[in-house]
N, C-alpha and C. Protein backbone atom coordinates (compact mmCIF):
# COMPACT_ATOMS: atom_id res chain seq x y z
N MET A 1 0.83 -1.20 0.00
CA MET A 1 0.00 0.00 0.00
C MET A 1 0.87 1.26 0.00
N PHE A 2 1.93 1.25 0.85
CA PHE A 2 2.81 2.42 0.91
C PHE A 2 3.48 2.66 -0.44
N PHE A 3 3.89 1.57 -1.11
CA PHE A 3 4.53 1.70 -2.42
C PHE A 3 3.58 2.34 -3.42
N LEU A 4 2.32 1.91 -3.40
CA LEU A 4 1.32 2.46 -4.31
C LEU A 4 1.10 3.95 -4.04
N LEU A 5 0.98 4.31 -2.76
CA LEU A 5 0.77 5.71 -2.40
C LEU A 5 1.96 6.57 -2.80
N SER A 6 3.18 6.05 -2.58
CA SER A 6 4.37 6.82 -2.92
C SER A 6 4.45 7.06 -4.43
N LYS A 7 4.03 6.09 -5.22
CA LYS A 7 4.04 6.24 -6.67
C LYS A 7 3.02 7.28 -7.14
N LEU A 8 1.87 7.31 -6.47
CA LEU A 8 0.81 8.24 -6.85
C LEU A 8 1.10 9.66 -6.36
N LEU A 9 1.59 9.76 -5.12
CA LEU A 9 1.82 11.07 -4.52
C LEU A 9 2.95 11.83 -5.19
N ILE A 10 3.88 11.12 -5.80
CA ILE A 10 5.01 11.80 -6.42
C ILE A 10 4.57 12.73 -7.55
N TYR A 11 3.43 12.41 -8.17
CA TYR A 11 2.94 13.26 -9.25
C TYR A 11 2.51 14.63 -8.75
N PHE A 12 2.18 14.71 -7.46
CA PHE A 12 1.79 16.00 -6.89
C PHE A 12 3.01 16.86 -6.55
N LEU A 13 4.21 16.31 -6.71
CA LEU A 13 5.42 17.08 -6.46
C LEU A 13 5.93 17.77 -7.71
N TYR A 14 5.35 17.45 -8.85
CA TYR A 14 5.80 18.05 -10.11
C TYR A 14 5.15 19.43 -10.29
N PRO A 15 5.95 20.49 -10.38
CA PRO A 15 5.41 21.85 -10.54
C PRO A 15 4.49 22.00 -11.75
N LEU A 16 4.77 21.27 -12.83
CA LEU A 16 3.91 21.37 -14.01
C LEU A 16 2.49 20.95 -13.67
N ASN A 17 2.35 19.95 -12.82
CA ASN A 17 1.01 19.53 -12.41
C ASN A 17 0.32 20.59 -11.57
N TRP A 18 1.11 21.30 -10.74
CA TRP A 18 0.52 22.41 -9.98
C TRP A 18 -0.03 23.47 -10.93
N ILE A 19 0.75 23.79 -11.95
CA ILE A 19 0.34 24.81 -12.91
C ILE A 19 -0.94 24.38 -13.63
N LEU A 20 -0.98 23.13 -14.06
CA LEU A 20 -2.16 22.62 -14.76
C LEU A 20 -3.40 22.67 -13.87
N LEU A 21 -3.24 22.27 -12.61
CA LEU A 21 -4.37 22.30 -11.67
C LEU A 21 -4.86 23.72 -11.45
N LEU A 22 -3.92 24.66 -11.33
CA LEU A 22 -4.31 26.06 -11.13
C LEU A 22 -5.05 26.60 -12.36
N LEU A 23 -4.57 26.27 -13.54
CA LEU A 23 -5.22 26.75 -14.76
C LEU A 23 -6.59 26.12 -14.95
N ILE A 24 -6.71 24.84 -14.60
CA ILE A 24 -8.02 24.18 -14.67
C ILE A 24 -8.99 24.83 -13.70
N ALA A 25 -8.48 25.14 -12.50
CA ALA A 25 -9.34 25.81 -11.51
C ALA A 25 -9.79 27.18 -12.01
N ALA A 26 -8.88 27.88 -12.69
CA ALA A 26 -9.22 29.20 -13.21
C ALA A 26 -10.32 29.14 -14.26
N VAL A 27 -10.38 28.04 -15.00
CA VAL A 27 -11.42 27.88 -16.02
C VAL A 27 -12.81 27.80 -15.39
N PHE A 28 -12.90 27.10 -14.26
CA PHE A 28 -14.21 26.83 -13.66
C PHE A 28 -14.64 27.88 -12.63
N ILE A 29 -13.71 28.69 -12.16
CA ILE A 29 -14.07 29.70 -11.16
C ILE A 29 -14.72 30.90 -11.86
N LYS A 30 -15.88 31.31 -11.36
CA LYS A 30 -16.63 32.40 -11.98
C LYS A 30 -16.14 33.77 -11.53
N ASN A 31 -15.71 33.86 -10.27
CA ASN A 31 -15.28 35.14 -9.71
C ASN A 31 -14.05 35.66 -10.45
N THR A 32 -14.18 36.82 -11.07
CA THR A 32 -13.10 37.36 -11.89
C THR A 32 -11.85 37.65 -11.07
N ARG A 33 -12.03 38.17 -9.86
CA ARG A 33 -10.87 38.51 -9.02
C ARG A 33 -10.08 37.26 -8.65
N TYR A 34 -10.79 36.21 -8.21
CA TYR A 34 -10.12 34.96 -7.85
C TYR A 34 -9.48 34.30 -9.07
N LYS A 35 -10.18 34.39 -10.20
CA LYS A 35 -9.64 33.82 -11.44
C LYS A 35 -8.30 34.47 -11.79
N ARG A 36 -8.25 35.80 -11.67
CA ARG A 36 -7.02 36.52 -11.98
C ARG A 36 -5.89 36.13 -11.03
N ARG A 37 -6.21 35.99 -9.75
CA ARG A 37 -5.19 35.62 -8.76
C ARG A 37 -4.63 34.22 -9.03
N ILE A 38 -5.50 33.31 -9.42
CA ILE A 38 -5.06 31.94 -9.70
C ILE A 38 -4.14 31.91 -10.92
N ILE A 39 -4.50 32.68 -11.94
CA ILE A 39 -3.66 32.74 -13.14
C ILE A 39 -2.29 33.34 -12.82
N VAL A 40 -2.29 34.39 -12.00
CA VAL A 40 -1.02 34.99 -11.57
C VAL A 40 -0.19 33.99 -10.77
N ALA A 41 -0.86 33.23 -9.89
CA ALA A 41 -0.16 32.21 -9.10
C ALA A 41 0.47 31.15 -10.00
N ALA A 42 -0.26 30.73 -11.02
CA ALA A 42 0.27 29.75 -11.97
C ALA A 42 1.49 30.30 -12.70
N PHE A 43 1.44 31.58 -13.05
CA PHE A 43 2.56 32.21 -13.75
C PHE A 43 3.79 32.31 -12.85
N ILE A 44 3.56 32.63 -11.58
CA ILE A 44 4.67 32.73 -10.62
C ILE A 44 5.33 31.36 -10.41
N VAL A 45 4.50 30.33 -10.27
CA VAL A 45 5.05 28.97 -10.12
C VAL A 45 5.88 28.60 -11.34
N PHE A 46 5.38 28.95 -12.52
CA PHE A 46 6.11 28.67 -13.76
C PHE A 46 7.47 29.36 -13.77
N LEU A 47 7.51 30.64 -13.39
CA LEU A 47 8.76 31.39 -13.39
C LEU A 47 9.75 30.82 -12.38
N LEU A 48 9.26 30.49 -11.20
CA LEU A 48 10.15 30.00 -10.14
C LEU A 48 10.78 28.66 -10.50
N PHE A 49 9.96 27.74 -10.99
CA PHE A 49 10.45 26.38 -11.20
C PHE A 49 11.03 26.14 -12.59
N SER A 50 11.07 27.17 -13.41
CA SER A 50 11.72 27.04 -14.71
C SER A 50 12.97 27.90 -14.79
N ASN A 51 13.36 28.47 -13.64
CA ASN A 51 14.54 29.33 -13.58
C ASN A 51 15.76 28.49 -13.20
N GLY A 52 16.65 28.28 -14.14
CA GLY A 52 17.81 27.43 -13.90
C GLY A 52 18.72 27.94 -12.81
N ILE A 53 18.91 29.25 -12.72
CA ILE A 53 19.80 29.83 -11.71
C ILE A 53 19.27 29.54 -10.32
N LEU A 54 17.98 29.78 -10.11
CA LEU A 54 17.37 29.56 -8.80
C LEU A 54 17.40 28.08 -8.43
N LEU A 55 17.04 27.23 -9.37
CA LEU A 55 17.00 25.79 -9.10
C LEU A 55 18.39 25.25 -8.77
N ASN A 56 19.41 25.74 -9.48
CA ASN A 56 20.77 25.29 -9.20
C ASN A 56 21.22 25.70 -7.81
N LYS A 57 20.86 26.90 -7.39
CA LYS A 57 21.23 27.37 -6.06
C LYS A 57 20.57 26.51 -4.98
N VAL A 58 19.29 26.23 -5.14
CA VAL A 58 18.57 25.42 -4.15
C VAL A 58 19.12 24.00 -4.13
N ALA A 59 19.30 23.41 -5.30
CA ALA A 59 19.79 22.03 -5.38
C ALA A 59 21.19 21.91 -4.81
N SER A 60 22.06 22.87 -5.14
CA SER A 60 23.44 22.82 -4.65
C SER A 60 23.49 22.99 -3.14
N ALA A 61 22.62 23.83 -2.59
CA ALA A 61 22.58 24.01 -1.13
C ALA A 61 22.09 22.76 -0.43
N TRP A 62 21.21 22.00 -1.07
CA TRP A 62 20.66 20.79 -0.47
C TRP A 62 21.63 19.61 -0.57
N ASP A 63 22.45 19.60 -1.60
CA ASP A 63 23.41 18.51 -1.80
C ASP A 63 24.32 18.33 -0.60
N ILE A 64 24.62 17.09 -0.26
CA ILE A 64 25.71 16.80 0.67
C ILE A 64 26.98 16.72 -0.18
N GLN A 65 27.94 17.56 0.14
CA GLN A 65 29.12 17.68 -0.70
C GLN A 65 30.04 16.47 -0.54
N PRO A 66 30.73 16.09 -1.61
CA PRO A 66 31.60 14.91 -1.56
C PRO A 66 32.83 15.14 -0.70
N LYS A 67 33.37 14.04 -0.20
CA LYS A 67 34.59 14.08 0.60
C LYS A 67 35.70 13.38 -0.18
N PRO A 68 36.96 13.57 0.25
CA PRO A 68 38.06 12.87 -0.43
C PRO A 68 37.88 11.36 -0.40
N GLN A 69 38.55 10.68 -1.29
CA GLN A 69 38.49 9.22 -1.36
C GLN A 69 38.78 8.62 0.01
N PRO A 70 37.96 7.68 0.46
CA PRO A 70 38.17 7.08 1.79
C PRO A 70 39.55 6.45 1.91
N LYS A 71 40.20 6.67 3.08
CA LYS A 71 41.52 6.10 3.32
C LYS A 71 41.40 4.70 3.93
N LYS A 72 40.33 4.47 4.68
CA LYS A 72 40.14 3.15 5.26
C LYS A 72 39.48 2.22 4.23
N ILE A 73 39.53 0.95 4.51
CA ILE A 73 38.90 -0.03 3.63
C ILE A 73 37.57 -0.46 4.24
N TYR A 74 36.51 -0.29 3.50
CA TYR A 74 35.17 -0.67 3.96
C TYR A 74 34.84 -2.08 3.48
N SER A 75 34.03 -2.75 4.26
CA SER A 75 33.66 -4.12 3.88
C SER A 75 32.70 -4.14 2.69
N CYS A 76 31.93 -3.05 2.53
CA CYS A 76 30.97 -3.02 1.43
C CYS A 76 30.53 -1.60 1.13
N ALA A 77 30.29 -1.33 -0.13
CA ALA A 77 29.67 -0.08 -0.57
C ALA A 77 28.26 -0.40 -1.04
N LEU A 78 27.28 0.24 -0.44
CA LEU A 78 25.88 0.03 -0.78
C LEU A 78 25.48 1.06 -1.84
N VAL A 79 25.16 0.59 -3.02
CA VAL A 79 24.84 1.47 -4.15
C VAL A 79 23.33 1.46 -4.35
N LEU A 80 22.68 2.57 -4.02
CA LEU A 80 21.22 2.64 -4.13
C LEU A 80 20.80 2.70 -5.60
N GLY A 81 19.68 2.06 -5.90
CA GLY A 81 19.18 2.00 -7.27
C GLY A 81 18.58 3.32 -7.73
N GLY A 82 18.12 3.34 -8.97
CA GLY A 82 17.52 4.54 -9.53
C GLY A 82 18.32 5.13 -10.67
N TYR A 83 19.45 4.53 -11.01
CA TYR A 83 20.29 5.05 -12.09
C TYR A 83 20.13 4.24 -13.37
N ILE A 84 19.16 3.32 -13.36
CA ILE A 84 18.87 2.50 -14.53
C ILE A 84 17.41 2.70 -14.93
N SER A 85 17.16 2.92 -16.18
CA SER A 85 15.80 3.06 -16.69
C SER A 85 15.46 1.87 -17.58
N GLU A 86 14.19 1.60 -17.68
CA GLU A 86 13.72 0.44 -18.44
C GLU A 86 13.54 0.76 -19.92
N TYR A 87 14.07 -0.08 -20.77
CA TYR A 87 13.79 -0.01 -22.21
C TYR A 87 12.66 -0.96 -22.55
N ASN A 88 12.79 -2.20 -22.09
CA ASN A 88 11.69 -3.17 -22.14
C ASN A 88 11.86 -4.09 -20.93
N LYS A 89 11.15 -5.18 -20.87
CA LYS A 89 11.14 -6.02 -19.66
C LYS A 89 12.48 -6.68 -19.37
N THR A 90 13.34 -6.78 -20.35
CA THR A 90 14.62 -7.45 -20.14
C THR A 90 15.83 -6.54 -20.37
N THR A 91 15.60 -5.38 -20.91
CA THR A 91 16.71 -4.49 -21.28
C THR A 91 16.54 -3.12 -20.64
N GLY A 92 17.65 -2.57 -20.17
CA GLY A 92 17.62 -1.24 -19.58
C GLY A 92 18.73 -0.37 -20.16
N PHE A 93 18.88 0.82 -19.57
CA PHE A 93 19.97 1.71 -19.97
C PHE A 93 20.28 2.63 -18.79
N PHE A 94 21.51 3.11 -18.73
CA PHE A 94 21.92 4.02 -17.66
C PHE A 94 21.34 5.40 -17.92
N ASN A 95 20.72 5.98 -16.89
CA ASN A 95 20.12 7.30 -17.03
C ASN A 95 21.04 8.38 -16.43
N GLY A 96 20.49 9.54 -16.17
CA GLY A 96 21.29 10.67 -15.71
C GLY A 96 21.94 10.51 -14.36
N ALA A 97 21.52 9.52 -13.58
CA ALA A 97 22.11 9.28 -12.26
C ALA A 97 23.19 8.20 -12.30
N ALA A 98 23.70 7.88 -13.49
CA ALA A 98 24.64 6.77 -13.65
C ALA A 98 25.96 7.00 -12.93
N ASP A 99 26.21 8.21 -12.45
CA ASP A 99 27.43 8.46 -11.69
C ASP A 99 27.50 7.58 -10.44
N ARG A 100 26.36 7.14 -9.94
CA ARG A 100 26.35 6.21 -8.81
C ARG A 100 27.10 4.93 -9.18
N PHE A 101 26.81 4.42 -10.36
CA PHE A 101 27.47 3.20 -10.84
C PHE A 101 28.95 3.44 -11.09
N ILE A 102 29.27 4.56 -11.72
CA ILE A 102 30.67 4.88 -12.04
C ILE A 102 31.51 5.00 -10.78
N GLN A 103 31.00 5.74 -9.78
CA GLN A 103 31.76 5.92 -8.54
C GLN A 103 31.90 4.62 -7.77
N ALA A 104 30.90 3.76 -7.85
CA ALA A 104 30.98 2.46 -7.18
C ALA A 104 32.12 1.63 -7.77
N LEU A 105 32.24 1.63 -9.09
CA LEU A 105 33.33 0.91 -9.74
C LEU A 105 34.68 1.47 -9.34
N LYS A 106 34.78 2.78 -9.24
CA LYS A 106 36.04 3.41 -8.83
C LYS A 106 36.41 3.02 -7.40
N LEU A 107 35.42 2.97 -6.53
CA LEU A 107 35.67 2.57 -5.14
C LEU A 107 36.20 1.14 -5.08
N LYS A 108 35.62 0.28 -5.89
CA LYS A 108 36.05 -1.12 -5.89
C LYS A 108 37.46 -1.25 -6.48
N GLU A 109 37.72 -0.58 -7.57
CA GLU A 109 39.01 -0.70 -8.23
C GLU A 109 40.13 -0.06 -7.41
N SER A 110 39.80 0.97 -6.62
CA SER A 110 40.82 1.63 -5.80
C SER A 110 41.11 0.87 -4.51
N GLY A 111 40.29 -0.12 -4.19
CA GLY A 111 40.48 -0.88 -2.97
C GLY A 111 39.82 -0.26 -1.75
N ALA A 112 39.00 0.78 -1.95
CA ALA A 112 38.33 1.42 -0.82
C ALA A 112 37.25 0.53 -0.21
N THR A 113 36.77 -0.43 -0.98
CA THR A 113 35.77 -1.38 -0.48
C THR A 113 36.06 -2.76 -1.06
N THR A 114 35.76 -3.77 -0.26
CA THR A 114 36.01 -5.14 -0.74
C THR A 114 34.80 -5.71 -1.47
N HIS A 115 33.61 -5.20 -1.16
CA HIS A 115 32.38 -5.70 -1.77
C HIS A 115 31.53 -4.54 -2.29
N LEU A 116 30.72 -4.82 -3.27
CA LEU A 116 29.71 -3.88 -3.77
C LEU A 116 28.35 -4.55 -3.66
N LEU A 117 27.40 -3.82 -3.09
CA LEU A 117 26.02 -4.31 -3.02
C LEU A 117 25.15 -3.38 -3.84
N PHE A 118 24.65 -3.87 -4.95
CA PHE A 118 23.77 -3.10 -5.83
C PHE A 118 22.33 -3.44 -5.48
N THR A 119 21.55 -2.43 -5.17
CA THR A 119 20.18 -2.67 -4.74
C THR A 119 19.20 -2.03 -5.71
N GLY A 120 18.20 -2.79 -6.12
CA GLY A 120 17.19 -2.29 -7.05
C GLY A 120 16.48 -3.44 -7.73
N GLY A 121 15.17 -3.45 -7.62
CA GLY A 121 14.38 -4.52 -8.21
C GLY A 121 13.41 -4.00 -9.25
N ASN A 122 12.18 -4.42 -9.15
CA ASN A 122 11.12 -4.04 -10.08
C ASN A 122 10.31 -2.90 -9.48
N ALA A 123 10.48 -1.70 -10.00
CA ALA A 123 9.81 -0.53 -9.46
C ALA A 123 8.49 -0.22 -10.16
N SER A 124 8.02 -1.13 -11.00
CA SER A 124 6.76 -0.91 -11.70
C SER A 124 5.62 -1.61 -10.97
N PHE A 125 4.40 -1.40 -11.45
CA PHE A 125 3.23 -2.03 -10.82
C PHE A 125 3.03 -3.47 -11.30
N THR A 126 3.65 -3.83 -12.40
CA THR A 126 3.47 -5.18 -12.94
C THR A 126 4.48 -6.14 -12.32
N PRO A 127 4.05 -7.30 -11.85
CA PRO A 127 4.95 -8.23 -11.16
C PRO A 127 6.05 -8.80 -12.04
N ASP A 128 5.85 -8.81 -13.35
CA ASP A 128 6.86 -9.36 -14.26
C ASP A 128 7.63 -8.26 -14.98
N GLY A 129 7.71 -7.09 -14.36
CA GLY A 129 8.38 -5.95 -14.98
C GLY A 129 9.89 -6.05 -14.93
N PHE A 130 10.54 -5.04 -15.46
CA PHE A 130 12.00 -4.97 -15.54
C PHE A 130 12.62 -4.95 -14.15
N ILE A 131 13.67 -5.76 -13.95
CA ILE A 131 14.38 -5.82 -12.67
C ILE A 131 15.79 -5.27 -12.87
N GLU A 132 16.09 -4.20 -12.15
CA GLU A 132 17.39 -3.54 -12.29
C GLU A 132 18.55 -4.50 -12.07
N GLY A 133 18.48 -5.26 -10.98
CA GLY A 133 19.59 -6.12 -10.60
C GLY A 133 19.96 -7.16 -11.65
N ASN A 134 18.96 -7.71 -12.33
CA ASN A 134 19.24 -8.72 -13.36
C ASN A 134 20.01 -8.13 -14.53
N TRP A 135 19.58 -6.96 -14.97
CA TRP A 135 20.26 -6.31 -16.10
C TRP A 135 21.66 -5.85 -15.70
N LEU A 136 21.78 -5.30 -14.48
CA LEU A 136 23.06 -4.79 -14.03
C LEU A 136 24.10 -5.91 -13.90
N LYS A 137 23.65 -7.07 -13.49
CA LYS A 137 24.57 -8.20 -13.35
C LYS A 137 25.23 -8.53 -14.69
N GLN A 138 24.48 -8.42 -15.76
CA GLN A 138 25.04 -8.66 -17.09
C GLN A 138 26.04 -7.56 -17.47
N GLU A 139 25.71 -6.31 -17.11
CA GLU A 139 26.57 -5.19 -17.46
C GLU A 139 27.91 -5.25 -16.73
N LEU A 140 27.96 -5.90 -15.59
CA LEU A 140 29.18 -5.97 -14.79
C LEU A 140 30.14 -7.07 -15.24
N GLN A 141 29.70 -7.95 -16.08
CA GLN A 141 30.54 -9.08 -16.49
C GLN A 141 31.87 -8.67 -17.12
N PRO A 142 31.92 -7.64 -17.97
CA PRO A 142 33.21 -7.28 -18.58
C PRO A 142 34.26 -6.78 -17.59
N TYR A 143 33.86 -6.43 -16.37
CA TYR A 143 34.82 -5.87 -15.41
C TYR A 143 35.59 -6.95 -14.67
N HIS A 144 35.16 -8.18 -14.75
CA HIS A 144 35.88 -9.33 -14.20
C HIS A 144 36.14 -9.21 -12.69
N PHE A 145 35.19 -8.64 -11.98
CA PHE A 145 35.27 -8.68 -10.52
C PHE A 145 34.91 -10.09 -10.06
N ALA A 146 35.50 -10.51 -8.96
CA ALA A 146 35.16 -11.82 -8.41
C ALA A 146 33.68 -11.85 -8.03
N ASP A 147 32.99 -12.91 -8.43
CA ASP A 147 31.56 -13.00 -8.15
C ASP A 147 31.25 -12.88 -6.67
N SER A 148 32.15 -13.35 -5.83
CA SER A 148 31.92 -13.33 -4.38
C SER A 148 31.94 -11.91 -3.81
N THR A 149 32.47 -10.95 -4.58
CA THR A 149 32.55 -9.58 -4.09
C THR A 149 31.41 -8.70 -4.60
N LEU A 150 30.55 -9.25 -5.44
CA LEU A 150 29.42 -8.51 -5.98
C LEU A 150 28.12 -9.08 -5.43
N LEU A 151 27.35 -8.23 -4.78
CA LEU A 151 26.09 -8.65 -4.18
C LEU A 151 24.95 -7.89 -4.86
N PHE A 152 23.81 -8.54 -4.99
CA PHE A 152 22.67 -7.93 -5.67
C PHE A 152 21.41 -8.13 -4.84
N GLU A 153 20.70 -7.04 -4.65
CA GLU A 153 19.39 -7.09 -3.97
C GLU A 153 18.36 -6.74 -5.03
N LYS A 154 17.44 -7.65 -5.34
CA LYS A 154 16.55 -7.50 -6.49
C LYS A 154 15.07 -7.41 -6.13
N GLN A 155 14.75 -7.20 -4.87
CA GLN A 155 13.34 -7.18 -4.46
C GLN A 155 12.80 -5.78 -4.22
N SER A 156 13.67 -4.82 -3.93
CA SER A 156 13.22 -3.50 -3.49
C SER A 156 12.59 -2.71 -4.63
N ARG A 157 11.66 -1.82 -4.24
CA ARG A 157 10.96 -0.98 -5.20
C ARG A 157 11.15 0.51 -4.92
N ASN A 158 11.69 0.85 -3.76
CA ASN A 158 11.93 2.24 -3.41
C ASN A 158 13.10 2.30 -2.42
N THR A 159 13.44 3.51 -1.97
CA THR A 159 14.61 3.67 -1.11
C THR A 159 14.45 2.97 0.23
N ILE A 160 13.27 3.03 0.80
CA ILE A 160 13.03 2.37 2.08
C ILE A 160 13.31 0.88 1.97
N GLU A 161 12.82 0.26 0.91
CA GLU A 161 13.05 -1.16 0.72
C GLU A 161 14.50 -1.43 0.32
N ASN A 162 15.12 -0.50 -0.42
CA ASN A 162 16.56 -0.62 -0.72
C ASN A 162 17.34 -0.87 0.56
N ILE A 163 17.10 -0.03 1.55
CA ILE A 163 17.84 -0.08 2.81
C ILE A 163 17.47 -1.32 3.62
N ARG A 164 16.20 -1.59 3.73
CA ARG A 164 15.74 -2.70 4.57
C ARG A 164 16.27 -4.04 4.06
N PHE A 165 16.10 -4.29 2.77
CA PHE A 165 16.52 -5.57 2.21
C PHE A 165 18.05 -5.68 2.16
N SER A 166 18.72 -4.56 1.92
CA SER A 166 20.18 -4.58 1.88
C SER A 166 20.76 -4.89 3.25
N LYS A 167 20.15 -4.35 4.28
CA LYS A 167 20.62 -4.62 5.64
C LYS A 167 20.57 -6.11 5.93
N ALA A 168 19.51 -6.78 5.50
CA ALA A 168 19.38 -8.22 5.73
C ALA A 168 20.49 -8.99 5.01
N ILE A 169 20.83 -8.57 3.79
CA ILE A 169 21.89 -9.23 3.03
C ILE A 169 23.24 -9.02 3.70
N LEU A 170 23.52 -7.80 4.12
CA LEU A 170 24.80 -7.48 4.75
C LEU A 170 24.99 -8.27 6.04
N GLU A 171 23.92 -8.40 6.81
CA GLU A 171 24.00 -9.17 8.05
C GLU A 171 24.18 -10.65 7.76
N ALA A 172 23.51 -11.15 6.73
CA ALA A 172 23.62 -12.57 6.38
C ALA A 172 25.03 -12.90 5.88
N LYS A 173 25.68 -11.94 5.23
CA LYS A 173 27.04 -12.15 4.72
C LYS A 173 28.11 -11.86 5.77
N HIS A 174 27.67 -11.40 6.95
CA HIS A 174 28.57 -11.09 8.07
C HIS A 174 29.62 -10.05 7.68
N LEU A 175 29.19 -9.07 6.91
CA LEU A 175 30.07 -7.96 6.55
C LEU A 175 29.93 -6.87 7.61
N PRO A 176 31.00 -6.49 8.27
CA PRO A 176 30.90 -5.55 9.39
C PRO A 176 30.65 -4.11 8.94
N PRO A 177 29.83 -3.36 9.68
CA PRO A 177 29.63 -1.94 9.39
C PRO A 177 30.83 -1.13 9.92
N PRO A 178 30.89 0.15 9.56
CA PRO A 178 29.97 0.89 8.69
C PRO A 178 30.22 0.59 7.22
N TYR A 179 29.22 0.93 6.40
CA TYR A 179 29.29 0.71 4.96
C TYR A 179 29.29 2.05 4.24
N LEU A 180 29.91 2.08 3.09
CA LEU A 180 29.82 3.28 2.27
C LEU A 180 28.45 3.33 1.61
N LEU A 181 27.80 4.47 1.69
CA LEU A 181 26.49 4.64 1.06
C LEU A 181 26.67 5.51 -0.18
N VAL A 182 26.45 4.92 -1.34
CA VAL A 182 26.66 5.61 -2.61
C VAL A 182 25.32 5.96 -3.23
N THR A 183 25.05 7.24 -3.35
CA THR A 183 23.83 7.71 -4.02
C THR A 183 24.03 9.15 -4.44
N SER A 184 23.08 9.70 -5.16
CA SER A 184 23.18 11.08 -5.63
C SER A 184 23.20 12.04 -4.45
N ALA A 185 23.97 13.12 -4.58
CA ALA A 185 24.10 14.08 -3.49
C ALA A 185 22.75 14.66 -3.08
N PHE A 186 21.87 14.86 -4.04
CA PHE A 186 20.55 15.43 -3.75
C PHE A 186 19.68 14.44 -2.99
N HIS A 187 19.95 13.15 -3.15
CA HIS A 187 19.16 12.08 -2.53
C HIS A 187 19.74 11.64 -1.19
N MET A 188 20.97 12.08 -0.89
CA MET A 188 21.71 11.54 0.25
C MET A 188 21.05 11.84 1.59
N ARG A 189 20.55 13.04 1.79
CA ARG A 189 19.96 13.39 3.10
C ARG A 189 18.81 12.45 3.45
N ARG A 190 17.95 12.22 2.49
CA ARG A 190 16.81 11.33 2.74
C ARG A 190 17.30 9.90 2.98
N ALA A 191 18.27 9.46 2.20
CA ALA A 191 18.79 8.10 2.36
C ALA A 191 19.43 7.91 3.73
N LEU A 192 20.14 8.91 4.21
CA LEU A 192 20.77 8.82 5.53
C LEU A 192 19.72 8.72 6.64
N LEU A 193 18.64 9.46 6.50
CA LEU A 193 17.57 9.38 7.50
C LEU A 193 16.95 7.99 7.53
N ILE A 194 16.76 7.40 6.36
CA ILE A 194 16.19 6.05 6.29
C ILE A 194 17.16 5.03 6.89
N CYS A 195 18.45 5.19 6.62
CA CYS A 195 19.46 4.29 7.21
C CYS A 195 19.46 4.41 8.73
N LYS A 196 19.38 5.62 9.23
CA LYS A 196 19.37 5.83 10.68
C LYS A 196 18.16 5.16 11.31
N LYS A 197 17.00 5.32 10.69
CA LYS A 197 15.79 4.70 11.21
C LYS A 197 15.87 3.18 11.16
N ALA A 198 16.54 2.64 10.15
CA ALA A 198 16.67 1.19 9.99
C ALA A 198 17.79 0.61 10.84
N GLY A 199 18.61 1.48 11.46
CA GLY A 199 19.72 1.00 12.27
C GLY A 199 20.90 0.52 11.45
N LEU A 200 21.07 1.08 10.25
CA LEU A 200 22.17 0.69 9.37
C LEU A 200 23.27 1.75 9.44
N GLN A 201 24.46 1.36 9.87
CA GLN A 201 25.57 2.29 10.02
C GLN A 201 26.25 2.51 8.66
N VAL A 202 26.23 3.74 8.21
CA VAL A 202 26.79 4.05 6.89
C VAL A 202 27.64 5.32 6.95
N THR A 203 28.53 5.42 5.99
CA THR A 203 29.31 6.63 5.75
C THR A 203 28.91 7.16 4.38
N PRO A 204 28.43 8.41 4.30
CA PRO A 204 27.94 8.90 3.01
C PRO A 204 29.06 9.08 1.98
N PHE A 205 28.77 8.67 0.77
CA PHE A 205 29.67 8.91 -0.37
C PHE A 205 28.82 9.48 -1.50
N PRO A 206 28.53 10.78 -1.44
CA PRO A 206 27.64 11.39 -2.44
C PRO A 206 28.32 11.53 -3.80
N CYS A 207 27.51 11.44 -4.84
CA CYS A 207 28.00 11.61 -6.21
C CYS A 207 26.87 12.24 -7.02
N ASP A 208 27.04 12.30 -8.33
CA ASP A 208 25.99 12.85 -9.19
C ASP A 208 25.55 14.22 -8.68
N LEU A 209 26.50 15.13 -8.53
CA LEU A 209 26.24 16.43 -7.93
C LEU A 209 25.37 17.32 -8.82
N SER A 210 24.61 18.20 -8.17
CA SER A 210 23.85 19.20 -8.90
C SER A 210 24.81 20.25 -9.45
N PRO A 211 24.43 20.98 -10.51
CA PRO A 211 25.31 22.04 -11.03
C PRO A 211 25.65 23.04 -9.94
N ALA A 212 26.89 23.50 -9.94
CA ALA A 212 27.33 24.44 -8.91
C ALA A 212 26.50 25.72 -8.95
N ALA A 213 26.22 26.26 -7.76
CA ALA A 213 25.38 27.46 -7.68
C ALA A 213 26.02 28.66 -8.34
N ASN A 214 27.36 28.69 -8.41
CA ASN A 214 28.04 29.85 -8.99
C ASN A 214 28.25 29.72 -10.50
N GLN A 215 27.76 28.63 -11.08
CA GLN A 215 27.87 28.46 -12.53
C GLN A 215 26.62 29.05 -13.19
N VAL A 216 26.76 30.26 -13.66
CA VAL A 216 25.63 30.97 -14.26
C VAL A 216 25.91 31.19 -15.74
N SER A 217 24.95 30.82 -16.57
CA SER A 217 25.09 31.03 -18.01
C SER A 217 23.90 31.84 -18.51
N PHE A 218 24.06 32.45 -19.66
CA PHE A 218 23.04 33.34 -20.20
C PHE A 218 21.71 32.63 -20.42
N ASP A 219 21.76 31.37 -20.88
CA ASP A 219 20.52 30.66 -21.19
C ASP A 219 19.71 30.33 -19.94
N GLN A 220 20.34 30.38 -18.75
CA GLN A 220 19.61 30.11 -17.52
C GLN A 220 18.68 31.25 -17.13
N LEU A 221 18.84 32.39 -17.78
CA LEU A 221 17.96 33.52 -17.49
C LEU A 221 16.57 33.33 -18.07
N PHE A 222 16.43 32.35 -18.96
CA PHE A 222 15.15 32.11 -19.62
C PHE A 222 14.52 30.83 -19.10
N PRO A 223 13.19 30.77 -19.06
CA PRO A 223 12.51 29.56 -18.58
C PRO A 223 12.88 28.35 -19.41
N SER A 224 12.99 27.21 -18.75
CA SER A 224 13.26 25.95 -19.44
C SER A 224 12.44 24.87 -18.78
N ALA A 225 12.19 23.79 -19.50
CA ALA A 225 11.36 22.70 -18.98
C ALA A 225 12.11 21.95 -17.91
């Protein structure tokens, strides 16, 4: 039930949907004064959420900034899912958050972690949908990592389940905490709160950073989708 609600509620977080709802309300409201206010509100929302400069500043401020490469050796790096998109039921592709995957490989190759745990299952409503872990396992074959050092969690559908199911795997494998937590910098704060609630000891390793707040270009002055 929670998974279903989370999938439905996320649509209410999209500013474009707010604008559409406001404009629809303006169509049906008879009062001219209220109609005008609603249209102005829709226009303000459009300007705020289509301004690249403002969005970059907010996103950069929310990001947990990266730290230098870990000097100690961790037993495992937990790589949260969400960087793979579905092409069809058996095939996927790396999306804009693929830096999670790239940084995980670098951690393994540098010796900062002995194991990698990739977490991500079927995030669709259909039980026979695309499973991130199955596709990712195929993509990792060319890297020739020892099979015993690669772990896959394929049941989770969201971040809460990512953490819960991964904790069970880590405990079953007797890998000692703390673990490196690899996810997008913008997603890290929420992920850390979920780990804390689940009792999972982690050290944040943020990646996939938002554009720097001081990087301003001329095209950011104009609204964009």
